[in-house]
Amino acid sequence: MKYLLSILLSFPSICIYAQDTAKFRITYSCDAEAFVGKKETYRWILEVGNETAVFYDYNNRRYNEELDSLRNAADGGVLLEKMMLARKKYASRNSLQVLIGKPERDMYTYVSSIVASSLRYEENLPKIDWQLKDSIKNVCGYDCSMAVGSVYGRTWTVWYAMEIPLTYGPYILGGLPGLIMSASDNDGVFRFEAIGIETAPDNAIIGLAEKEKTQKCTRERFLSLRKESSGLSFRERAERTRRQLGLDNDNMTVKVVKADGKEITGD
């Protein structure tokens, strides 16, 4: 751990970057209320580079990599069986990815799926007015200080380790003088806790997985679509998934459109 801290203390504050290499990997366990009254435990990864960071669900990334490796299978029956095994193996997964510091330093890119559509939008990083508290608790072997702040209407209580001078945390939480090791919202929907800190593998690049398969939209449109899909029955969601995957008889696909009804185009 002293070796890791010595690297952190020599971390460059300014760096010209094109494609950032991950320097550190933080693993979080997260208890989240996926459905009302039902908790799921997820494993999240935060990878930090010189100028950027990415936050993603470990199981979801491994699941997609495994599916990609199966796409050339000749036997449809074997393929289906292996896909079902992969779904069982990575049962608790979340499609959310957040790339912080790109396309510009003070922005983030948000990726998540609604039914069968993978969507992304870009936003300015919110300015969090953290209220620093005197409380101290130990998280993952580090003495952490308490802070409270609100993001997009949700109030978070976090614990950050000044011993680890990284200004990041889970999701888009950050801006404190130390790595956020624990975070929970006041509604009891999310609770993140760091369970491991390590140097990242040499080949770890900060970036979004399968970005080319996402459709670009605005945050407002994303929230509107998410709200709309949350009211669908299981059958309606299944039918919509079939259409979006082009599995219906007419081979139709559902396109994501802007609020004015025009189709979203672009990269």
Protein backbone atom coordinates (compact mmCIF):
# COMPACT_ATOMS: atom_id res chain seq x y z
CA MET A 1 0.00 0.00 0.00
CA LYS A 2 2.91 2.39 0.68
CA TYR A 3 4.06 1.72 -2.90
CA LEU A 4 0.63 2.71 -4.22
CA LEU A 5 0.60 5.89 -2.13
CA SER A 6 4.05 6.89 -3.36
CA ILE A 7 2.77 6.69 -6.94
CA LEU A 8 -0.31 8.72 -6.02
CA LEU A 9 1.73 11.49 -4.48
CA SER A 10 3.76 11.83 -7.68
CA PHE A 11 0.61 11.86 -9.84
CA PRO A 12 0.90 14.63 -12.50
CA SER A 13 -1.67 17.41 -12.15
CA ILE A 14 -1.57 18.48 -15.82
CA CYS A 15 -1.18 16.15 -18.77
CA ILE A 16 -1.96 16.40 -22.48
CA TYR A 17 -4.01 13.32 -23.27
CA ALA A 18 -5.47 11.58 -26.30
CA GLN A 19 -6.19 8.10 -25.05
CA ASP A 20 -5.72 7.87 -21.31
CA THR A 21 -4.23 4.77 -19.69
CA ALA A 22 -5.70 3.64 -16.38
CA LYS A 23 -3.34 4.01 -13.43
CA PHE A 24 -5.56 2.84 -10.57
CA ARG A 25 -8.54 0.54 -10.22
CA ILE A 26 -11.01 0.85 -7.35
CA THR A 27 -13.64 -1.84 -6.81
CA TYR A 28 -16.95 -0.95 -5.14
CA SER A 29 -19.68 -3.18 -3.86
CA CYS A 30 -23.10 -1.61 -4.30
CA ASP A 31 -26.43 -2.54 -2.77
CA ALA A 32 -29.11 -1.02 -5.01
CA GLU A 33 -32.87 -1.20 -5.14
CA ALA A 34 -33.34 -2.46 -8.70
CA PHE A 35 -37.09 -2.75 -8.12
CA VAL A 36 -39.24 -1.42 -5.28
CA GLY A 37 -38.55 -3.55 -2.24
CA LYS A 38 -35.92 -5.70 -3.99
CA LYS A 39 -32.20 -5.17 -3.38
CA GLU A 40 -29.44 -6.36 -5.72
CA THR A 41 -25.69 -6.36 -5.08
CA TYR A 42 -23.49 -5.10 -7.91
CA ARG A 43 -19.73 -4.92 -8.41
CA TRP A 44 -18.58 -1.61 -9.83
CA ILE A 45 -15.15 -0.61 -11.14
CA LEU A 46 -13.67 2.89 -11.14
CA GLU A 47 -10.55 3.20 -13.29
CA VAL A 48 -8.57 6.43 -12.97
CA GLY A 49 -6.03 7.80 -15.44
CA ASN A 50 -4.00 10.99 -15.63
CA GLU A 51 -6.91 13.16 -16.76
CA THR A 52 -9.96 10.93 -17.08
CA ALA A 53 -11.81 8.16 -15.26
CA VAL A 54 -14.42 5.57 -16.17
CA PHE A 55 -17.02 3.92 -13.96
CA TYR A 56 -18.70 0.69 -15.06
CA ASP A 57 -20.33 -2.52 -13.87
CA TYR A 58 -17.84 -5.40 -13.82
CA ASN A 59 -20.37 -8.17 -14.53
CA ASN A 60 -21.96 -6.31 -17.44
CA ARG A 61 -18.62 -5.76 -19.16
CA ARG A 62 -17.57 -9.40 -18.68
CA TYR A 63 -21.00 -10.58 -19.90
CA ASN A 64 -20.75 -8.55 -23.12
CA GLU A 65 -17.20 -9.75 -23.74
CA GLU A 66 -18.36 -13.35 -23.33
CA LEU A 67 -21.26 -12.81 -25.74
CA ASP A 68 -18.88 -11.32 -28.31
CA SER A 69 -16.71 -14.44 -28.08
CA LEU A 70 -19.76 -16.62 -28.84
CA ARG A 71 -21.04 -14.78 -31.91
CA ASN A 72 -19.22 -17.03 -34.41
CA ALA A 73 -20.58 -20.26 -32.93
CA ALA A 74 -22.00 -22.39 -35.77
CA ASP A 75 -24.44 -24.47 -33.73
CA GLY A 76 -27.46 -22.36 -32.76
CA GLY A 77 -28.46 -24.72 -29.97
CA VAL A 78 -25.00 -24.63 -28.40
CA LEU A 79 -24.93 -20.84 -28.76
CA LEU A 80 -28.27 -20.46 -26.99
CA GLU A 81 -27.16 -22.75 -24.17
CA LYS A 82 -23.92 -20.82 -23.67
CA MET A 83 -25.78 -17.51 -23.74
CA MET A 84 -28.14 -18.75 -21.03
CA LEU A 85 -25.17 -19.90 -18.94
CA ALA A 86 -23.56 -16.47 -19.32
CA ARG A 87 -26.78 -14.76 -18.21
CA LYS A 88 -26.84 -16.96 -15.12
CA LYS A 89 -23.14 -16.45 -14.43
CA TYR A 90 -23.48 -12.65 -14.58
CA ALA A 91 -27.02 -12.41 -13.21
CA SER A 92 -26.55 -9.11 -11.34
CA ARG A 93 -25.41 -6.58 -13.93
CA ASN A 94 -26.08 -2.99 -14.89
CA SER A 95 -25.51 -1.37 -18.28
CA LEU A 96 -24.45 2.01 -16.84
CA GLN A 97 -21.07 3.43 -17.88
CA VAL A 98 -19.79 6.91 -17.04
CA LEU A 99 -16.71 8.40 -18.71
CA ILE A 100 -15.51 11.44 -16.75
CA GLY A 101 -13.34 14.14 -18.30
CA LYS A 102 -14.38 13.52 -21.93
CA PRO A 103 -15.23 14.77 -24.49
CA GLU A 104 -13.90 17.74 -22.52
CA ARG A 105 -12.23 18.04 -19.13
CA ASP A 106 -15.31 19.37 -17.29
CA MET A 107 -17.80 17.02 -18.94
CA TYR A 108 -18.91 13.41 -18.66
CA THR A 109 -20.45 10.87 -21.04
CA TYR A 110 -23.28 8.73 -19.68
CA VAL A 111 -24.22 5.38 -21.27
CA SER A 112 -27.12 3.14 -20.25
CA SER A 113 -29.70 0.85 -21.83
CA ILE A 114 -33.45 1.32 -21.95
CA VAL A 115 -35.17 -1.93 -22.91
CA ALA A 116 -32.92 -3.00 -25.85
CA SER A 117 -31.55 0.42 -26.85
CA SER A 118 -28.11 1.51 -25.65
CA LEU A 119 -28.16 5.30 -25.31
CA ARG A 120 -25.58 7.92 -24.46
CA TYR A 121 -25.53 11.61 -23.67
CA GLU A 122 -22.90 14.19 -22.75
CA GLU A 123 -23.28 16.72 -19.93
CA ASN A 124 -21.23 19.19 -17.93
CA LEU A 125 -20.09 17.75 -14.63
CA PRO A 126 -22.39 19.11 -11.90
CA LYS A 127 -20.87 21.42 -9.31
CA ILE A 128 -21.49 19.72 -5.97
CA ASP A 129 -21.69 22.01 -2.94
CA TRP A 130 -20.17 19.61 -0.44
CA GLN A 131 -20.81 20.26 3.24
CA LEU A 132 -17.79 18.90 5.12
CA LYS A 133 -18.46 17.23 8.47
CA ASP A 134 -16.27 16.35 11.47
CA SER A 135 -17.19 12.64 11.55
CA ILE A 136 -14.55 9.99 10.81
CA LYS A 137 -14.96 6.29 9.99
CA ASN A 138 -12.71 3.56 8.62
CA VAL A 139 -13.45 2.20 5.14
CA CYS A 140 -11.31 -0.50 3.56
CA GLY A 141 -8.48 0.27 6.00
CA TYR A 142 -8.51 4.06 5.51
CA ASP A 143 -9.71 6.76 7.91
CA CYS A 144 -12.33 8.70 5.96
CA SER A 145 -13.99 12.07 6.50
CA MET A 146 -17.67 12.73 5.94
CA ALA A 147 -19.31 15.09 3.44
CA VAL A 148 -22.91 15.67 2.31
CA GLY A 149 -23.99 17.04 -1.08
CA SER A 150 -26.78 16.90 -3.65
CA VAL A 151 -26.65 15.84 -7.31
CA TYR A 152 -29.68 16.05 -9.62
CA GLY A 153 -32.05 16.26 -6.65
CA ARG A 154 -30.58 13.28 -4.78
CA THR A 155 -28.71 13.91 -1.50
CA TRP A 156 -25.58 11.83 -0.89
CA THR A 157 -23.58 11.16 2.26
CA VAL A 158 -20.02 10.19 1.36
CA TRP A 159 -16.80 9.25 3.12
CA TYR A 160 -13.52 10.25 1.45
CA ALA A 161 -9.91 9.33 2.19
CA MET A 162 -7.54 12.29 2.12
CA GLU A 163 -4.70 9.75 2.23
CA ILE A 164 -5.62 8.89 -1.39
CA PRO A 165 -5.45 12.18 -3.36
CA LEU A 166 -7.83 11.24 -6.20
CA THR A 167 -10.82 13.54 -6.68
CA TYR A 168 -13.17 10.83 -7.94
CA GLY A 169 -15.76 8.45 -6.58
CA PRO A 170 -18.59 6.19 -7.74
CA TYR A 171 -21.01 7.44 -10.41
CA ILE A 172 -20.31 11.19 -11.00
CA LEU A 173 -19.53 11.91 -7.36
CA GLY A 174 -16.24 13.71 -6.88
CA GLY A 175 -14.54 17.03 -6.29
CA LEU A 176 -13.39 16.27 -2.74
CA PRO A 177 -9.76 16.33 -1.51
CA GLY A 178 -9.56 12.54 -1.55
CA LEU A 179 -11.05 9.41 -3.10
CA ILE A 180 -14.69 8.76 -2.15
CA MET A 181 -14.63 5.35 -0.48
CA SER A 182 -18.27 5.09 0.56
CA ALA A 183 -21.45 6.79 -0.68
CA SER A 184 -25.14 6.36 0.09
CA ASP A 185 -28.20 8.37 -0.85
CA ASN A 186 -30.69 9.58 1.72
CA ASP A 187 -33.52 7.58 0.14
CA GLY A 188 -31.72 4.30 0.75
CA VAL A 189 -31.73 3.32 -2.93
CA PHE A 190 -27.93 3.14 -3.42
CA ARG A 191 -25.02 2.32 -1.11
CA PHE A 192 -21.49 2.07 -2.54
CA GLU A 193 -18.52 0.85 -0.51
CA ALA A 194 -14.92 0.42 -1.69
CA ILE A 195 -13.68 -3.13 -1.23
CA GLY A 196 -10.37 -2.95 -3.08
CA ILE A 197 -7.77 -0.50 -4.42
CA GLU A 198 -4.97 -1.56 -6.77
CA THR A 199 -2.79 -0.38 -9.63
CA ALA A 200 -4.49 -1.02 -12.95
CA PRO A 201 -3.19 -3.59 -15.47
CA ASP A 202 -0.70 -2.20 -18.00
CA ASN A 203 -3.16 -2.53 -20.90
CA ALA A 204 -6.17 -0.89 -19.22
CA ILE A 205 -7.40 2.04 -21.34
CA ILE A 206 -9.91 4.57 -20.03
CA GLY A 207 -12.93 4.36 -22.32
CA LEU A 208 -16.48 3.22 -22.97
CA ALA A 209 -17.12 -0.37 -24.06
CA GLU A 210 -19.01 -0.79 -27.35
CA LYS A 211 -19.54 2.95 -27.78
CA GLU A 212 -20.15 2.42 -31.51
CA LYS A 213 -23.34 0.49 -30.65
CA THR A 214 -24.89 3.39 -28.69
CA GLN A 215 -27.33 6.03 -29.92
CA LYS A 216 -26.68 9.63 -28.97
CA CYS A 217 -29.43 11.65 -27.30
CA THR A 218 -29.89 14.37 -24.69
CA ARG A 219 -30.19 13.82 -20.94
CA GLU A 220 -33.75 15.15 -21.03
CA ARG A 221 -34.75 12.68 -23.75
CA PHE A 222 -33.04 9.81 -21.93
CA LEU A 223 -34.94 10.57 -18.71
CA SER A 224 -38.19 10.80 -20.67
CA LEU A 225 -37.63 7.41 -22.32
CA ARG A 226 -36.63 5.83 -19.01
CA LYS A 227 -39.76 7.12 -17.31
CA GLU A 228 -41.90 5.85 -20.18
CA SER A 229 -40.33 2.37 -20.12
CA SER A 230 -40.73 2.05 -16.34
CA GLY A 231 -44.51 1.92 -16.79
CA LEU A 232 -44.45 -0.94 -19.28
CA SER A 233 -45.61 -4.43 -18.36
CA PHE A 234 -43.26 -7.39 -18.80
CA ARG A 235 -45.10 -8.38 -22.00
CA GLU A 236 -44.88 -4.85 -23.40
CA ARG A 237 -41.16 -4.70 -22.63
CA ALA A 238 -40.65 -8.08 -24.33
CA GLU A 239 -42.53 -6.91 -27.42
CA ARG A 240 -40.58 -3.69 -27.55
CA THR A 241 -37.32 -5.62 -27.21
CA ARG A 242 -38.36 -7.85 -30.13
CA ARG A 243 -39.04 -4.80 -32.29
CA GLN A 244 -35.82 -3.04 -31.32
CA LEU A 245 -33.81 -6.16 -32.13
CA GLY A 246 -35.61 -6.55 -35.45
CA LEU A 247 -37.19 -9.87 -34.46
CA ASP A 248 -40.79 -9.06 -35.41
CA ASN A 249 -42.38 -10.26 -38.62
CA ASP A 250 -42.12 -6.89 -40.37
CA ASN A 251 -38.46 -6.57 -39.33
CA MET A 252 -39.19 -3.17 -37.83
CA THR A 253 -36.77 -1.33 -35.57
CA VAL A 254 -37.62 1.35 -33.05
CA LYS A 255 -35.64 4.52 -33.57
CA VAL A 256 -34.77 6.96 -30.81
CA VAL A 257 -35.94 10.44 -31.70
CA LYS A 258 -35.54 13.91 -30.29
CA ALA A 259 -38.31 15.69 -28.42
CA ASP A 260 -39.44 17.33 -31.70
CA GLY A 261 -39.90 13.90 -33.33
CA LYS A 262 -36.84 14.06 -35.59
CA GLU A 263 -34.55 11.04 -35.68
CA ILE A 264 -31.30 11.36 -33.73
CA THR A 265 -28.29 11.05 -36.01
CA GLY A 266 -24.58 11.49 -35.55
CA ASP A 267 -21.79 9.52 -33.94
